[in-house]
C-alpha atoms as a PDB file:
ATOM      1  CA  PHE A   1     -19.924   3.133   7.213  1.00  0.00           C
ATOM      2  CA  PRO A   2     -22.914   0.744   7.112  1.00  0.00           C
ATOM      3  CA  VAL A   3     -25.237   3.631   7.975  1.00  0.00           C
ATOM      4  CA  ALA A   4     -23.671   5.754   5.214  1.00  0.00           C
ATOM      5  CA  VAL A   5     -24.246   2.962   2.674  1.00  0.00           C
ATOM      6  CA  ARG A   6     -27.863   2.657   3.763  1.00  0.00           C
ATOM      7  CA  MET A   7     -28.416   6.406   3.508  1.00  0.00           C
ATOM      8  CA  VAL A   8     -26.812   6.603   0.050  1.00  0.00           C
ATOM      9  CA  TYR A   9     -29.086   3.772  -1.065  1.00  0.00           C
ATOM     10  CA  GLN A  10     -32.191   5.486   0.266  1.00  0.00           C
ATOM     11  CA  VAL A  11     -31.330   8.916  -1.132  1.00  0.00           C
ATOM     12  CA  ALA A  12     -30.257   7.561  -4.536  1.00  0.00           C
ATOM     13  CA  ASN A  13     -33.600   5.783  -4.833  1.00  0.00           C
ATOM     14  CA  ALA A  14     -35.552   8.872  -3.778  1.00  0.00           C
ATOM     15  CA  VAL A  15     -34.035  11.496  -6.101  1.00  0.00           C
ATOM     16  CA  ASN A  16     -33.076  11.810  -9.751  1.00  0.00           C
ATOM     17  CA  ILE A  17     -29.818  13.703  -9.247  1.00  0.00           C
ATOM     18  CA  PRO A  18     -26.262  12.467  -8.655  1.00  0.00           C
ATOM     19  CA  VAL A  19     -25.505  11.440  -5.075  1.00  0.00           C
ATOM     20  CA  VAL A  20     -22.101  11.793  -3.426  1.00  0.00           C
ATOM     21  CA  GLY A  21     -21.329   8.923  -1.065  1.00  0.00           C
ATOM     22  CA  MET A  22     -19.513   9.798   2.156  1.00  0.00           C
ATOM     23  CA  GLY A  23     -19.172   8.585   5.687  1.00  0.00           C
ATOM     24  CA  GLY A  24     -16.431   6.200   6.656  1.00  0.00           C
ATOM     25  CA  VAL A  25     -14.817   5.548   3.290  1.00  0.00           C
ATOM     26  CA  SER A  26     -11.278   4.362   4.012  1.00  0.00           C
ATOM     27  CA  LYS A  27     -10.377   1.792   1.346  1.00  0.00           C
ATOM     28  CA  ALA A  28     -11.066   0.832  -2.266  1.00  0.00           C
ATOM     29  CA  GLU A  29     -13.621  -1.807  -1.251  1.00  0.00           C
ATOM     30  CA  ASP A  30     -15.632   0.948   0.458  1.00  0.00           C
ATOM     31  CA  VAL A  31     -15.710   2.908  -2.798  1.00  0.00           C
ATOM     32  CA  ILE A  32     -17.153  -0.101  -4.630  1.00  0.00           C
ATOM     33  CA  GLU A  33     -19.742  -0.730  -1.910  1.00  0.00           C
ATOM     34  CA  ILE A  34     -20.968   2.843  -1.700  1.00  0.00           C
ATOM     35  CA  MET A  35     -21.180   3.116  -5.503  1.00  0.00           C
ATOM     36  CA  LEU A  36     -23.204  -0.101  -5.630  1.00  0.00           C
ATOM     37  CA  ALA A  37     -25.581   1.591  -3.202  1.00  0.00           C
ATOM     38  CA  GLY A  38     -26.074   4.422  -5.701  1.00  0.00           C
ATOM     39  CA  ALA A  39     -23.315   7.002  -5.280  1.00  0.00           C
ATOM     40  CA  THR A  40     -22.005   8.556  -8.484  1.00  0.00           C
ATOM     41  CA  ALA A  41     -19.034  10.070  -6.649  1.00  0.00           C
ATOM     42  CA  VAL A  42     -17.273   9.272  -3.391  1.00  0.00           C
ATOM     43  CA  GLU A  43     -15.876  11.668  -0.787  1.00  0.00           C
ATOM     44  CA  ILE A  44     -13.131  10.790   1.662  1.00  0.00           C
ATOM     45  CA  GLY A  45     -13.319  12.848   4.835  1.00  0.00           C
ATOM     46  CA  ALA A  46     -11.969  11.966   8.260  1.00  0.00           C
ATOM     47  CA  GLN A  47      -9.664   9.281   6.898  1.00  0.00           C
ATOM     48  CA  ASN A  48      -7.572  12.146   5.479  1.00  0.00           C
ATOM     49  CA  LEU A  49      -6.811  13.199   9.055  1.00  0.00           C
ATOM     50  CA  ILE A  50      -5.535   9.731   9.900  1.00  0.00           C
ATOM     51  CA  ASP A  51      -3.689   9.162   6.621  1.00  0.00           C
ATOM     52  CA  PRO A  52      -3.040  12.183   4.398  1.00  0.00           C
ATOM     53  CA  PHE A  53      -2.211   9.823   1.510  1.00  0.00           C
ATOM     54  CA  CYS A  54      -5.397   7.742   1.737  1.00  0.00           C
ATOM     55  CA  ALA A  55      -6.975   9.184  -1.428  1.00  0.00           C
ATOM     56  CA  ARG A  56      -3.854   8.363  -3.428  1.00  0.00           C
ATOM     57  CA  ASP A  57      -3.725   4.867  -1.937  1.00  0.00           C
ATOM     58  CA  ILE A  58      -7.412   4.222  -2.625  1.00  0.00           C
ATOM     59  CA  ILE A  59      -7.060   5.385  -6.230  1.00  0.00           C
ATOM     60  CA  ASN A  60      -3.978   3.202  -6.711  1.00  0.00           C
ATOM     61  CA  ASP A  61      -5.742   0.157  -5.199  1.00  0.00           C
ATOM     62  CA  LEU A  62      -9.024   0.611  -7.078  1.00  0.00           C
ATOM     63  CA  PRO A  63      -7.929  -1.207 -10.281  1.00  0.00           C
ATOM     64  CA  ARG A  64      -6.947  -4.283  -8.230  1.00  0.00           C
ATOM     65  CA  VAL A  65     -10.280  -4.330  -6.412  1.00  0.00           C
ATOM     66  CA  MET A  66     -12.193  -3.777  -9.647  1.00  0.00           C
ATOM     67  CA  GLU A  67     -10.377  -6.732 -11.223  1.00  0.00           C
ATOM     68  CA  LYS A  68     -11.072  -8.858  -8.124  1.00  0.00           C
ATOM     69  CA  TYR A  69     -14.817  -8.293  -8.567  1.00  0.00           C
ATOM     70  CA  GLY A  70     -14.843  -8.333 -12.377  1.00  0.00           C
ATOM     71  CA  ILE A  71     -15.685  -4.649 -12.734  1.00  0.00           C
ATOM     72  CA  ASN A  72     -14.535  -3.061 -15.987  1.00  0.00           C
ATOM     73  CA  ASN A  73     -16.044   0.387 -15.529  1.00  0.00           C
ATOM     74  CA  LEU A  74     -17.176   2.061 -12.300  1.00  0.00           C
ATOM     75  CA  ASN A  75     -20.117   3.646 -14.109  1.00  0.00           C
ATOM     76  CA  GLU A  76     -21.545   0.152 -14.641  1.00  0.00           C
ATOM     77  CA  ILE A  77     -21.943  -0.503 -10.907  1.00  0.00           C
ATOM     78  CA  ILE A  78     -23.615   2.752  -9.818  1.00  0.00           C
ATOM     79  CA  GLY A  79     -26.830   1.730  -8.119  1.00  0.00           C
ATOM     80  CA  GLY A  80     -26.182  -1.928  -8.875  1.00  0.00           C
ATOM     81  CA  VAL A  81     -27.928  -2.998  -5.675  1.00  0.00           C
ATOM     82  CA  LYS A  82     -31.707  -2.811  -6.031  1.00  0.00           C
END
């Protein structure tokens, strides 16, 4: 996951098109982190093989995590790390 975050950051800063973050996303905190790196969308891959309900669980947990970090709108955090 740390390598995925780094790569999203580098790609998002190199291009002017939306970037999909992927690579080790398994919880709502990962979604926030990868979007801060510059992803405009997030893909969940291998975690679906471990837990077929992970996408549902991440979506359900996202409002709690957003509140924890004071995030009102996910669009506000895209590329928040510079």
